[in-house]
């Protein structure tokens, strides 16, 4: 399968995704749920940290191989999609749906659509 997202485009997506996830509770109206809010902050921070530490043109420290970064994207996507049930906020429609979208986005972008080519040394 042809993967349309380059490593460079993936970096731009990550730097956009992290603040969107971190601010989702206020933006999407579920900030009254402390668990979902805390998980959004944690997920947004983790994505930003992984992005800054990835060995790619956009990484600040370049410690994590890009393929490892993509694996972390898939793991975090699966956890985000399962979070409403794992952490007990599946009854909050806005929070549940936000986490399902965050999870699907991470799984599809990181696991399916991004070219896994490492940056040349």
PDB file of N, CA and C in Angstrom:
ATOM      1  N   UNK A   1       0.841  -1.183   0.000  1.00  0.00           N
ATOM      2  CA  UNK A   1       0.000   0.000   0.000  1.00  0.00           C
ATOM      3  C   UNK A   1       0.887   1.248   0.000  1.00  0.00           C
ATOM      4  N   UNK A   2       0.530   2.173  -0.834  1.00  0.00           N
ATOM      5  CA  UNK A   2       1.238   3.447  -0.884  1.00  0.00           C
ATOM      6  C   UNK A   2       0.846   4.264   0.344  1.00  0.00           C
ATOM      7  N   UNK A   3       1.843   4.685   1.107  1.00  0.00           N
ATOM      8  CA  UNK A   3       1.582   5.467   2.321  1.00  0.00           C
ATOM      9  C   UNK A   3       1.820   6.946   2.005  1.00  0.00           C
ATOM     10  N   UNK A   4       0.760   7.744   2.033  1.00  0.00           N
ATOM     11  CA  UNK A   4       0.851   9.125   1.548  1.00  0.00           C
ATOM     12  C   UNK A   4       1.478  10.141   2.503  1.00  0.00           C
ATOM     13  N   UNK A   5       1.670   9.792   3.771  1.00  0.00           N
ATOM     14  CA  UNK A   5       2.202  10.769   4.727  1.00  0.00           C
ATOM     15  C   UNK A   5       3.699  10.550   4.904  1.00  0.00           C
ATOM     16  N   UNK A   6       4.476  11.566   4.589  1.00  0.00           N
ATOM     17  CA  UNK A   6       5.933  11.487   4.739  1.00  0.00           C
ATOM     18  C   UNK A   6       6.321  11.718   6.205  1.00  0.00           C
ATOM     19  N   UNK A   7       7.570  11.440   6.508  1.00  0.00           N
ATOM     20  CA  UNK A   7       8.095  11.689   7.858  1.00  0.00           C
ATOM     21  C   UNK A   7       7.943  13.171   8.214  1.00  0.00           C
ATOM     22  N   UNK A   8       8.238  14.052   7.287  1.00  0.00           N
ATOM     23  CA  UNK A   8       8.132  15.487   7.533  1.00  0.00           C
ATOM     24  C   UNK A   8       6.678  15.893   7.812  1.00  0.00           C
ATOM     25  N   UNK A   9       5.753  15.368   7.036  1.00  0.00           N
ATOM     26  CA  UNK A   9       4.339  15.676   7.246  1.00  0.00           C
ATOM     27  C   UNK A   9       3.841  15.109   8.575  1.00  0.00           C
ATOM     28  N   UNK A  10       4.377  13.950   8.953  1.00  0.00           N
ATOM     29  CA  UNK A  10       3.992  13.347  10.221  1.00  0.00           C
ATOM     30  C   UNK A  10       4.391  14.258  11.390  1.00  0.00           C
ATOM     31  N   UNK A  11       5.561  14.861  11.290  1.00  0.00           N
ATOM     32  CA  UNK A  11       6.000  15.785  12.337  1.00  0.00           C
ATOM     33  C   UNK A  11       5.057  16.963  12.478  1.00  0.00           C
ATOM     34  N   UNK A  12       4.640  17.526  11.358  1.00  0.00           N
ATOM     35  CA  UNK A  12       3.684  18.629  11.384  1.00  0.00           C
ATOM     36  C   UNK A  12       2.369  18.170  12.018  1.00  0.00           C
ATOM     37  N   UNK A  13       1.929  16.967  11.662  1.00  0.00           N
ATOM     38  CA  UNK A  13       0.693  16.426  12.237  1.00  0.00           C
ATOM     39  C   UNK A  13       0.824  16.268  13.754  1.00  0.00           C
ATOM     40  N   UNK A  14       1.971  15.777  14.222  1.00  0.00           N
ATOM     41  CA  UNK A  14       2.175  15.601  15.661  1.00  0.00           C
ATOM     42  C   UNK A  14       2.185  16.922  16.401  1.00  0.00           C
ATOM     43  N   UNK A  15       2.879  17.909  15.847  1.00  0.00           N
ATOM     44  CA  UNK A  15       2.931  19.219  16.510  1.00  0.00           C
ATOM     45  C   UNK A  15       1.560  19.905  16.507  1.00  0.00           C
ATOM     46  N   UNK A  16       0.667  19.490  15.638  1.00  0.00           N
ATOM     47  CA  UNK A  16      -0.703  19.989  15.633  1.00  0.00           C
ATOM     48  C   UNK A  16      -1.585  19.171  16.571  1.00  0.00           C
ATOM     49  N   UNK A  17      -1.398  17.852  16.545  1.00  0.00           N
ATOM     50  CA  UNK A  17      -2.206  16.916  17.329  1.00  0.00           C
ATOM     51  C   UNK A  17      -2.047  17.146  18.834  1.00  0.00           C
ATOM     52  N   UNK A  18      -0.819  17.339  19.304  1.00  0.00           N
ATOM     53  CA  UNK A  18      -0.556  17.449  20.748  1.00  0.00           C
ATOM     54  C   UNK A  18      -1.374  18.568  21.415  1.00  0.00           C
ATOM     55  N   UNK A  19      -1.343  19.800  20.920  1.00  0.00           N
ATOM     56  CA  UNK A  19      -2.146  20.831  21.589  1.00  0.00           C
ATOM     57  C   UNK A  19      -3.652  20.643  21.400  1.00  0.00           C
ATOM     58  N   UNK A  20      -4.066  20.066  20.274  1.00  0.00           N
ATOM     59  CA  UNK A  20      -5.496  19.808  20.072  1.00  0.00           C
ATOM     60  C   UNK A  20      -6.014  18.810  21.098  1.00  0.00           C
ATOM     61  N   UNK A  21      -5.229  17.766  21.364  1.00  0.00           N
ATOM     62  CA  UNK A  21      -5.619  16.766  22.355  1.00  0.00           C
ATOM     63  C   UNK A  21      -5.617  17.383  23.754  1.00  0.00           C
ATOM     64  N   UNK A  22      -4.582  18.136  24.068  1.00  0.00           N
ATOM     65  CA  UNK A  22      -4.465  18.730  25.406  1.00  0.00           C
ATOM     66  C   UNK A  22      -5.600  19.703  25.712  1.00  0.00           C
ATOM     67  N   UNK A  23      -6.105  20.377  24.704  1.00  0.00           N
ATOM     68  CA  UNK A  23      -7.179  21.360  24.915  1.00  0.00           C
ATOM     69  C   UNK A  23      -8.570  20.822  24.574  1.00  0.00           C
ATOM     70  N   UNK A  24      -8.662  19.561  24.211  1.00  0.00           N
ATOM     71  CA  UNK A  24      -9.950  18.961  23.833  1.00  0.00           C
ATOM     72  C   UNK A  24     -11.032  19.091  24.911  1.00  0.00           C
ATOM     73  N   UNK A  25     -10.705  18.910  26.190  1.00  0.00           N
ATOM     74  CA  UNK A  25     -11.789  19.018  27.185  1.00  0.00           C
ATOM     75  C   UNK A  25     -12.518  20.366  27.145  1.00  0.00           C
ATOM     76  N   UNK A  26     -11.777  21.448  27.017  1.00  0.00           N
ATOM     77  CA  UNK A  26     -12.416  22.766  26.950  1.00  0.00           C
ATOM     78  C   UNK A  26     -13.076  22.987  25.595  1.00  0.00           C
ATOM     79  N   UNK A  27     -12.383  22.593  24.547  1.00  0.00           N
ATOM     80  CA  UNK A  27     -12.897  22.807  23.190  1.00  0.00           C
ATOM     81  C   UNK A  27     -14.169  22.006  22.926  1.00  0.00           C
ATOM     82  N   UNK A  28     -14.196  20.768  23.423  1.00  0.00           N
ATOM     83  CA  UNK A  28     -15.309  19.872  23.116  1.00  0.00           C
ATOM     84  C   UNK A  28     -16.325  19.742  24.255  1.00  0.00           C
ATOM     85  N   UNK A  29     -16.076  20.435  25.348  1.00  0.00           N
ATOM     86  CA  UNK A  29     -17.078  20.517  26.404  1.00  0.00           C
ATOM     87  C   UNK A  29     -17.166  19.338  27.354  1.00  0.00           C
ATOM     88  N   UNK A  30     -16.044  18.751  27.720  1.00  0.00           N
ATOM     89  CA  UNK A  30     -16.095  17.708  28.745  1.00  0.00           C
ATOM     90  C   UNK A  30     -15.082  17.946  29.862  1.00  0.00           C
ATOM     91  N   UNK A  31     -14.740  19.206  30.098  1.00  0.00           N
ATOM     92  CA  UNK A  31     -13.764  19.537  31.143  1.00  0.00           C
ATOM     93  C   UNK A  31     -14.301  19.255  32.544  1.00  0.00           C
ATOM     94  N   UNK A  32     -15.603  19.004  32.678  1.00  0.00           N
ATOM     95  CA  UNK A  32     -16.169  18.643  33.970  1.00  0.00           C
ATOM     96  C   UNK A  32     -15.774  17.226  34.390  1.00  0.00           C
ATOM     97  N   UNK A  33     -15.282  16.426  33.445  1.00  0.00           N
ATOM     98  CA  UNK A  33     -14.827  15.073  33.764  1.00  0.00           C
ATOM     99  C   UNK A  33     -13.323  15.109  34.000  1.00  0.00           C
ATOM    100  N   UNK A  34     -12.932  15.060  35.258  1.00  0.00           N
ATOM    101  CA  UNK A  34     -11.525  15.214  35.626  1.00  0.00           C
ATOM    102  C   UNK A  34     -10.645  14.107  35.064  1.00  0.00           C
ATOM    103  N   UNK A  35     -11.145  12.878  35.042  1.00  0.00           N
ATOM    104  CA  UNK A  35     -10.342  11.760  34.527  1.00  0.00           C
ATOM    105  C   UNK A  35     -10.040  11.950  33.050  1.00  0.00           C
ATOM    106  N   UNK A  36     -11.054  12.247  32.267  1.00  0.00           N
ATOM    107  CA  UNK A  36     -10.857  12.446  30.825  1.00  0.00           C
ATOM    108  C   UNK A  36      -9.969  13.664  30.571  1.00  0.00           C
ATOM    109  N   UNK A  37     -10.159  14.709  31.352  1.00  0.00           N
ATOM    110  CA  UNK A  37      -9.335  15.917  31.203  1.00  0.00           C
ATOM    111  C   UNK A  37      -7.872  15.610  31.499  1.00  0.00           C
ATOM    112  N   UNK A  38      -7.617  14.922  32.606  1.00  0.00           N
ATOM    113  CA  UNK A  38      -6.239  14.565  32.952  1.00  0.00           C
ATOM    114  C   UNK A  38      -5.607  13.669  31.889  1.00  0.00           C
ATOM    115  N   UNK A  39      -6.376  12.738  31.359  1.00  0.00           N
ATOM    116  CA  UNK A  39      -5.846  11.856  30.313  1.00  0.00           C
ATOM    117  C   UNK A  39      -5.525  12.636  29.039  1.00  0.00           C
ATOM    118  N   UNK A  40      -6.325  13.629  28.710  1.00  0.00           N
ATOM    119  CA  UNK A  40      -6.026  14.475  27.546  1.00  0.00           C
ATOM    120  C   UNK A  40      -4.714  15.219  27.744  1.00  0.00           C
ATOM    121  N   UNK A  41      -4.524  15.773  28.920  1.00  0.00           N
ATOM    122  CA  UNK A  41      -3.271  16.480  29.202  1.00  0.00           C
ATOM    123  C   UNK A  41      -2.082  15.521  29.120  1.00  0.00           C
ATOM    124  N   UNK A  42      -2.251  14.321  29.696  1.00  0.00           N
ATOM    125  CA  UNK A  42      -1.185  13.322  29.673  1.00  0.00           C
ATOM    126  C   UNK A  42      -0.878  12.879  28.247  1.00  0.00           C
ATOM    127  N   UNK A  43      -1.908  12.583  27.474  1.00  0.00           N
ATOM    128  CA  UNK A  43      -1.715  12.145  26.092  1.00  0.00           C
ATOM    129  C   UNK A  43      -1.091  13.247  25.243  1.00  0.00           C
ATOM    130  N   UNK A  44      -1.579  14.466  25.371  1.00  0.00           N
ATOM    131  CA  UNK A  44      -1.006  15.583  24.618  1.00  0.00           C
ATOM    132  C   UNK A  44       0.459  15.809  24.966  1.00  0.00           C
ATOM    133  N   UNK A  45       0.774  15.737  26.252  1.00  0.00           N
ATOM    134  CA  UNK A  45       2.163  15.894  26.691  1.00  0.00           C
ATOM    135  C   UNK A  45       3.055  14.760  26.221  1.00  0.00           C
ATOM    136  N   UNK A  46       2.526  13.542  26.257  1.00  0.00           N
ATOM    137  CA  UNK A  46       3.305  12.377  25.811  1.00  0.00           C
ATOM    138  C   UNK A  46       3.594  12.446  24.310  1.00  0.00           C
ATOM    139  N   UNK A  47       2.608  12.858  23.545  1.00  0.00           N
ATOM    140  CA  UNK A  47       2.811  13.004  22.096  1.00  0.00           C
ATOM    141  C   UNK A  47       3.851  14.087  21.825  1.00  0.00           C
ATOM    142  N   UNK A  48       3.751  15.201  22.521  1.00  0.00           N
ATOM    143  CA  UNK A  48       4.727  16.270  22.333  1.00  0.00           C
ATOM    144  C   UNK A  48       6.132  15.802  22.724  1.00  0.00           C
ATOM    145  N   UNK A  49       6.248  15.103  23.847  1.00  0.00           N
ATOM    146  CA  UNK A  49       7.557  14.604  24.286  1.00  0.00           C
ATOM    147  C   UNK A  49       8.144  13.627  23.267  1.00  0.00           C
ATOM    148  N   UNK A  50       7.333  12.688  22.803  1.00  0.00           N
ATOM    149  CA  UNK A  50       7.820  11.721  21.814  1.00  0.00           C
ATOM    150  C   UNK A  50       8.227  12.431  20.522  1.00  0.00           C
ATOM    151  N   UNK A  51       7.480  13.435  20.142  1.00  0.00           N
ATOM    152  CA  UNK A  51       7.788  14.196  18.933  1.00  0.00           C
ATOM    153  C   UNK A  51       9.114  14.932  19.072  1.00  0.00           C
ATOM    154  N   UNK A  52       9.303  15.576  20.190  1.00  0.00           N
ATOM    155  CA  UNK A  52      10.543  16.317  20.428  1.00  0.00           C
ATOM    156  C   UNK A  52      11.766  15.396  20.504  1.00  0.00           C
ATOM    157  N   UNK A  53      11.549  14.147  20.919  1.00  0.00           N
ATOM    158  CA  UNK A  53      12.658  13.202  21.099  1.00  0.00           C
ATOM    159  C   UNK A  53      12.895  12.284  19.898  1.00  0.00           C
ATOM    160  N   UNK A  54      12.139  12.455  18.832  1.00  0.00           N
ATOM    161  CA  UNK A  54      12.245  11.562  17.680  1.00  0.00           C
ATOM    162  C   UNK A  54      13.385  11.962  16.752  1.00  0.00           C
ATOM    163  N   UNK A  55      14.065  10.946  16.255  1.00  0.00           N
ATOM    164  CA  UNK A  55      15.153  11.164  15.292  1.00  0.00           C
ATOM    165  C   UNK A  55      14.520  11.432  13.919  1.00  0.00           C
ATOM    166  N   UNK A  56      14.190  12.689  13.721  1.00  0.00           N
ATOM    167  CA  UNK A  56      13.593  13.164  12.470  1.00  0.00           C
ATOM    168  C   UNK A  56      13.959  14.634  12.340  1.00  0.00           C
ATOM    169  N   UNK A  57      13.670  15.198  11.189  1.00  0.00           N
ATOM    170  CA  UNK A  57      14.022  16.590  10.924  1.00  0.00           C
ATOM    171  C   UNK A  57      13.429  17.521  11.977  1.00  0.00           C
ATOM    172  N   UNK A  58      12.289  17.192  12.496  1.00  0.00           N
ATOM    173  CA  UNK A  58      11.556  18.034  13.421  1.00  0.00           C
ATOM    174  C   UNK A  58      11.804  17.687  14.884  1.00  0.00           C
ATOM    175  N   UNK A  59      12.591  16.657  15.152  1.00  0.00           N
ATOM    176  CA  UNK A  59      12.893  16.291  16.534  1.00  0.00           C
ATOM    177  C   UNK A  59      13.948  17.214  17.133  1.00  0.00           C
ATOM    178  N   UNK A  60      13.785  17.559  18.368  1.00  0.00           N
ATOM    179  CA  UNK A  60      14.730  18.455  19.026  1.00  0.00           C
ATOM    180  C   UNK A  60      15.964  17.694  19.529  1.00  0.00           C
ATOM    181  N   UNK A  61      15.762  16.516  20.113  1.00  0.00           N
ATOM    182  CA  UNK A  61      16.849  15.751  20.711  1.00  0.00           C
ATOM    183  C   UNK A  61      17.283  14.569  19.848  1.00  0.00           C
ATOM    184  N   UNK A  62      16.426  14.036  19.020  1.00  0.00           N
ATOM    185  CA  UNK A  62      16.723  12.949  18.068  1.00  0.00           C
ATOM    186  C   UNK A  62      17.250  11.686  18.766  1.00  0.00           C
ATOM    187  N   UNK A  63      16.519  11.213  19.753  1.00  0.00           N
ATOM    188  CA  UNK A  63      16.915  10.032  20.506  1.00  0.00           C
ATOM    189  C   UNK A  63      16.111   8.786  20.133  1.00  0.00           C
ATOM    190  N   UNK A  64      14.872   8.935  19.709  1.00  0.00           N
ATOM    191  CA  UNK A  64      13.991   7.807  19.414  1.00  0.00           C
ATOM    192  C   UNK A  64      13.952   7.577  17.906  1.00  0.00           C
ATOM    193  N   UNK A  65      14.214   6.351  17.443  1.00  0.00           N
ATOM    194  CA  UNK A  65      14.071   6.076  16.003  1.00  0.00           C
ATOM    195  C   UNK A  65      12.627   6.348  15.545  1.00  0.00           C
ATOM    196  N   UNK A  66      12.489   6.757  14.289  1.00  0.00           N
ATOM    197  CA  UNK A  66      11.165   7.099  13.769  1.00  0.00           C
ATOM    198  C   UNK A  66      10.221   5.906  13.811  1.00  0.00           C
ATOM    199  N   UNK A  67      10.709   4.717  13.517  1.00  0.00           N
ATOM    200  CA  UNK A  67       9.841   3.531  13.563  1.00  0.00           C
ATOM    201  C   UNK A  67       9.350   3.269  14.986  1.00  0.00           C
ATOM    202  N   UNK A  68      10.174   3.546  15.973  1.00  0.00           N
ATOM    203  CA  UNK A  68       9.734   3.422  17.366  1.00  0.00           C
ATOM    204  C   UNK A  68       8.661   4.462  17.663  1.00  0.00           C
ATOM    205  N   UNK A  69       8.838   5.664  17.147  1.00  0.00           N
ATOM    206  CA  UNK A  69       7.832   6.717  17.302  1.00  0.00           C
ATOM    207  C   UNK A  69       6.489   6.248  16.740  1.00  0.00           C
ATOM    208  N   UNK A  70       6.518   5.632  15.555  1.00  0.00           N
ATOM    209  CA  UNK A  70       5.273   5.148  14.946  1.00  0.00           C
ATOM    210  C   UNK A  70       4.638   4.049  15.791  1.00  0.00           C
ATOM    211  N   UNK A  71       5.465   3.192  16.372  1.00  0.00           N
ATOM    212  CA  UNK A  71       4.951   2.144  17.254  1.00  0.00           C
ATOM    213  C   UNK A  71       4.284   2.769  18.476  1.00  0.00           C
ATOM    214  N   UNK A  72       4.900   3.802  19.035  1.00  0.00           N
ATOM    215  CA  UNK A  72       4.298   4.512  20.170  1.00  0.00           C
ATOM    216  C   UNK A  72       2.974   5.157  19.771  1.00  0.00           C
ATOM    217  N   UNK A  73       2.886   5.659  18.541  1.00  0.00           N
ATOM    218  CA  UNK A  73       1.625   6.230  18.050  1.00  0.00           C
ATOM    219  C   UNK A  73       0.517   5.175  18.042  1.00  0.00           C
ATOM    220  N   UNK A  74       0.847   3.978  17.583  1.00  0.00           N
ATOM    221  CA  UNK A  74      -0.148   2.902  17.518  1.00  0.00           C
ATOM    222  C   UNK A  74      -0.577   2.485  18.923  1.00  0.00           C
ATOM    223  N   UNK A  75       0.385   2.341  19.824  1.00  0.00           N
ATOM    224  CA  UNK A  75       0.061   1.963  21.201  1.00  0.00           C
ATOM    225  C   UNK A  75      -0.797   3.033  21.871  1.00  0.00           C
ATOM    226  N   UNK A  76      -0.408   4.294  21.713  1.00  0.00           N
ATOM    227  CA  UNK A  76      -1.190   5.364  22.343  1.00  0.00           C
ATOM    228  C   UNK A  76      -2.573   5.480  21.710  1.00  0.00           C
ATOM    229  N   UNK A  77      -2.671   5.200  20.418  1.00  0.00           N
ATOM    230  CA  UNK A  77      -3.975   5.223  19.753  1.00  0.00           C
ATOM    231  C   UNK A  77      -4.902   4.142  20.288  1.00  0.00           C
ATOM    232  N   UNK A  78      -4.362   2.947  20.473  1.00  0.00           N
ATOM    233  CA  UNK A  78      -5.173   1.845  21.017  1.00  0.00           C
ATOM    234  C   UNK A  78      -5.609   2.162  22.453  1.00  0.00           C
ATOM    235  N   UNK A  79      -4.688   2.700  23.242  1.00  0.00           N
ATOM    236  CA  UNK A  79      -5.037   3.060  24.620  1.00  0.00           C
ATOM    237  C   UNK A  79      -6.058   4.186  24.670  1.00  0.00           C
ATOM    238  N   UNK A  80      -5.911   5.174  23.792  1.00  0.00           N
ATOM    239  CA  UNK A  80      -6.880   6.275  23.765  1.00  0.00           C
ATOM    240  C   UNK A  80      -8.270   5.762  23.400  1.00  0.00           C
ATOM    241  N   UNK A  81      -8.343   4.868  22.424  1.00  0.00           N
ATOM    242  CA  UNK A  81      -9.640   4.331  22.008  1.00  0.00           C
ATOM    243  C   UNK A  81     -10.292   3.498  23.116  1.00  0.00           C
ATOM    244  N   UNK A  82      -9.484   2.838  23.925  1.00  0.00           N
ATOM    245  CA  UNK A  82     -10.008   2.005  25.012  1.00  0.00           C
ATOM    246  C   UNK A  82     -10.217   2.787  26.309  1.00  0.00           C
ATOM    247  N   UNK A  83      -9.633   3.972  26.410  1.00  0.00           N
ATOM    248  CA  UNK A  83      -9.641   4.753  27.655  1.00  0.00           C
ATOM    249  C   UNK A  83     -11.028   4.988  28.255  1.00  0.00           C
ATOM    250  N   UNK A  84     -12.049   5.299  27.480  1.00  0.00           N
ATOM    251  CA  UNK A  84     -13.355   5.546  28.109  1.00  0.00           C
ATOM    252  C   UNK A  84     -13.851   4.361  28.949  1.00  0.00           C
ATOM    253  N   UNK A  85     -13.548   3.159  28.511  1.00  0.00           N
ATOM    254  CA  UNK A  85     -13.979   1.976  29.250  1.00  0.00           C
ATOM    255  C   UNK A  85     -12.964   1.595  30.327  1.00  0.00           C
ATOM    256  N   UNK A  86     -11.690   1.781  30.027  1.00  0.00           N
ATOM    257  CA  UNK A  86     -10.653   1.467  31.017  1.00  0.00           C
ATOM    258  C   UNK A  86     -10.718   2.390  32.233  1.00  0.00           C
ATOM    259  N   UNK A  87     -11.085   3.657  32.002  1.00  0.00           N
ATOM    260  CA  UNK A  87     -11.058   4.652  33.066  1.00  0.00           C
ATOM    261  C   UNK A  87     -12.447   5.129  33.491  1.00  0.00           C
ATOM    262  N   UNK A  88     -13.482   4.478  32.994  1.00  0.00           N
ATOM    263  CA  UNK A  88     -14.824   4.687  33.504  1.00  0.00           C
ATOM    264  C   UNK A  88     -15.559   5.947  33.092  1.00  0.00           C
ATOM    265  N   UNK A  89     -15.268   6.494  31.913  1.00  0.00           N
ATOM    266  CA  UNK A  89     -16.040   7.668  31.481  1.00  0.00           C
ATOM    267  C   UNK A  89     -16.748   7.428  30.142  1.00  0.00           C
ATOM    268  N   UNK A  90     -17.054   6.161  29.858  1.00  0.00           N
ATOM    269  CA  UNK A  90     -17.732   5.835  28.591  1.00  0.00           C
ATOM    270  C   UNK A  90     -19.149   6.404  28.529  1.00  0.00           C
ATOM    271  N   UNK A  91     -19.745   6.726  29.676  1.00  0.00           N
ATOM    272  CA  UNK A  91     -21.071   7.329  29.696  1.00  0.00           C
ATOM    273  C   UNK A  91     -21.080   8.803  29.318  1.00  0.00           C
ATOM    274  N   UNK A  92     -19.925   9.424  29.306  1.00  0.00           N
ATOM    275  CA  UNK A  92     -19.815  10.825  28.899  1.00  0.00           C
ATOM    276  C   UNK A  92     -19.615  10.840  27.384  1.00  0.00           C
ATOM    277  N   UNK A  93     -20.671  11.102  26.667  1.00  0.00           N
ATOM    278  CA  UNK A  93     -20.662  11.004  25.210  1.00  0.00           C
ATOM    279  C   UNK A  93     -19.573  11.842  24.558  1.00  0.00           C
ATOM    280  N   UNK A  94     -19.416  13.065  24.991  1.00  0.00           N
ATOM    281  CA  UNK A  94     -18.413  13.944  24.385  1.00  0.00           C
ATOM    282  C   UNK A  94     -17.001  13.428  24.631  1.00  0.00           C
ATOM    283  N   UNK A  95     -16.707  13.049  25.856  1.00  0.00           N
ATOM    284  CA  UNK A  95     -15.370  12.544  26.181  1.00  0.00           C
ATOM    285  C   UNK A  95     -15.114  11.223  25.452  1.00  0.00           C
ATOM    286  N   UNK A  96     -16.093  10.324  25.501  1.00  0.00           N
ATOM    287  CA  UNK A  96     -15.932   9.025  24.835  1.00  0.00           C
ATOM    288  C   UNK A  96     -15.660   9.205  23.345  1.00  0.00           C
ATOM    289  N   UNK A  97     -16.463  10.012  22.688  1.00  0.00           N
ATOM    290  CA  UNK A  97     -16.289  10.199  21.251  1.00  0.00           C
ATOM    291  C   UNK A  97     -14.976  10.894  20.916  1.00  0.00           C
ATOM    292  N   UNK A  98     -14.576  11.845  21.750  1.00  0.00           N
ATOM    293  CA  UNK A  98     -13.285  12.520  21.532  1.00  0.00           C
ATOM    294  C   UNK A  98     -12.144  11.504  21.611  1.00  0.00           C
ATOM    295  N   UNK A  99     -12.171  10.625  22.599  1.00  0.00           N
ATOM    296  CA  UNK A  99     -11.114   9.628  22.735  1.00  0.00           C
ATOM    297  C   UNK A  99     -11.153   8.601  21.606  1.00  0.00           C
ATOM    298  N   UNK A 100     -12.330   8.266  21.127  1.00  0.00           N
ATOM    299  CA  UNK A 100     -12.410   7.352  19.981  1.00  0.00           C
ATOM    300  C   UNK A 100     -11.794   7.994  18.740  1.00  0.00           C
ATOM    301  N   UNK A 101     -12.066   9.273  18.527  1.00  0.00           N
ATOM    302  CA  UNK A 101     -11.483   9.983  17.382  1.00  0.00           C
ATOM    303  C   UNK A 101      -9.970  10.131  17.556  1.00  0.00           C
ATOM    304  N   UNK A 102      -9.521  10.488  18.763  1.00  0.00           N
ATOM    305  CA  UNK A 102      -8.079  10.606  19.014  1.00  0.00           C
ATOM    306  C   UNK A 102      -7.390   9.258  18.758  1.00  0.00           C
ATOM    307  N   UNK A 103      -7.991   8.192  19.260  1.00  0.00           N
ATOM    308  CA  UNK A 103      -7.408   6.873  19.069  1.00  0.00           C
ATOM    309  C   UNK A 103      -7.355   6.474  17.610  1.00  0.00           C
ATOM    310  N   UNK A 104      -8.466   6.669  16.910  1.00  0.00           N
ATOM    311  CA  UNK A 104      -8.507   6.315  15.491  1.00  0.00           C
ATOM    312  C   UNK A 104      -7.508   7.140  14.689  1.00  0.00           C
ATOM    313  N   UNK A 105      -7.395   8.412  15.008  1.00  0.00           N
ATOM    314  CA  UNK A 105      -6.443   9.279  14.312  1.00  0.00           C
ATOM    315  C   UNK A 105      -5.025   8.770  14.487  1.00  0.00           C
ATOM    316  N   UNK A 106      -4.668   8.466  15.718  1.00  0.00           N
ATOM    317  CA  UNK A 106      -3.314   7.982  16.005  1.00  0.00           C
ATOM    318  C   UNK A 106      -3.049   6.638  15.329  1.00  0.00           C
ATOM    319  N   UNK A 107      -4.016   5.752  15.371  1.00  0.00           N
ATOM    320  CA  UNK A 107      -3.859   4.437  14.746  1.00  0.00           C
ATOM    321  C   UNK A 107      -3.716   4.545  13.229  1.00  0.00           C
ATOM    322  N   UNK A 108      -4.556   5.359  12.615  1.00  0.00           N
ATOM    323  CA  UNK A 108      -4.542   5.470  11.158  1.00  0.00           C
ATOM    324  C   UNK A 108      -3.321   6.244  10.667  1.00  0.00           C
ATOM    325  N   UNK A 109      -3.053   7.394  11.278  1.00  0.00           N
ATOM    326  CA  UNK A 109      -1.915   8.201  10.825  1.00  0.00           C
ATOM    327  C   UNK A 109      -0.597   7.498  11.139  1.00  0.00           C
ATOM    328  N   UNK A 110      -0.441   7.032  12.380  1.00  0.00           N
ATOM    329  CA  UNK A 110       0.819   6.403  12.778  1.00  0.00           C
ATOM    330  C   UNK A 110       1.009   4.997  12.267  1.00  0.00           C
ATOM    331  N   UNK A 111      -0.073   4.238  12.205  1.00  0.00           N
ATOM    332  CA  UNK A 111       0.052   2.834  11.854  1.00  0.00           C
ATOM    333  C   UNK A 111      -0.211   2.478  10.413  1.00  0.00           C
ATOM    334  N   UNK A 112      -0.964   3.308   9.702  1.00  0.00           N
ATOM    335  CA  UNK A 112      -1.379   2.930   8.350  1.00  0.00           C
ATOM    336  C   UNK A 112      -0.861   3.889   7.276  1.00  0.00           C
ATOM    337  N   UNK A 113      -0.923   5.180   7.507  1.00  0.00           N
ATOM    338  CA  UNK A 113      -0.698   6.145   6.436  1.00  0.00           C
ATOM    339  C   UNK A 113       0.700   6.764   6.360  1.00  0.00           C
ATOM    340  N   UNK A 114       1.529   6.585   7.388  1.00  0.00           N
ATOM    341  CA  UNK A 114       2.845   7.228   7.402  1.00  0.00           C
ATOM    342  C   UNK A 114       3.934   6.298   6.873  1.00  0.00           C
ATOM    343  N   UNK A 115       4.734   6.826   5.984  1.00  0.00           N
ATOM    344  CA  UNK A 115       5.903   6.077   5.477  1.00  0.00           C
ATOM    345  C   UNK A 115       6.894   5.891   6.615  1.00  0.00           C
ATOM    346  N   UNK A 116       7.336   4.643   6.887  1.00  0.00           N
ATOM    347  CA  UNK A 116       8.192   4.392   8.039  1.00  0.00           C
ATOM    348  C   UNK A 116       9.680   4.604   7.789  1.00  0.00           C
ATOM    349  N   UNK A 117      10.034   5.397   6.816  1.00  0.00           N
ATOM    350  CA  UNK A 117      11.449   5.602   6.471  1.00  0.00           C
ATOM    351  C   UNK A 117      12.177   6.381   7.552  1.00  0.00           C
ATOM    352  N   UNK A 118      13.301   5.843   8.002  1.00  0.00           N
ATOM    353  CA  UNK A 118      14.140   6.520   8.982  1.00  0.00           C
ATOM    354  C   UNK A 118      14.871   7.681   8.330  1.00  0.00           C
ATOM    355  N   UNK A 119      15.211   8.686   9.107  1.00  0.00           N
ATOM    356  CA  UNK A 119      15.983   9.817   8.633  1.00  0.00           C
ATOM    357  C   UNK A 119      17.437   9.368   8.444  1.00  0.00           C
ATOM    358  N   UNK A 120      18.055   9.720   7.328  1.00  0.00           N
ATOM    359  CA  UNK A 120      19.463   9.371   7.133  1.00  0.00           C
ATOM    360  C   UNK A 120      20.330  10.013   8.229  1.00  0.00           C
ATOM    361  N   UNK A 121      21.355   9.315   8.615  1.00  0.00           N
ATOM    362  CA  UNK A 121      22.234   9.840   9.681  1.00  0.00           C
ATOM    363  C   UNK A 121      23.208  10.834   9.147  1.00  0.00           C
TER     364      UNK A 121
END
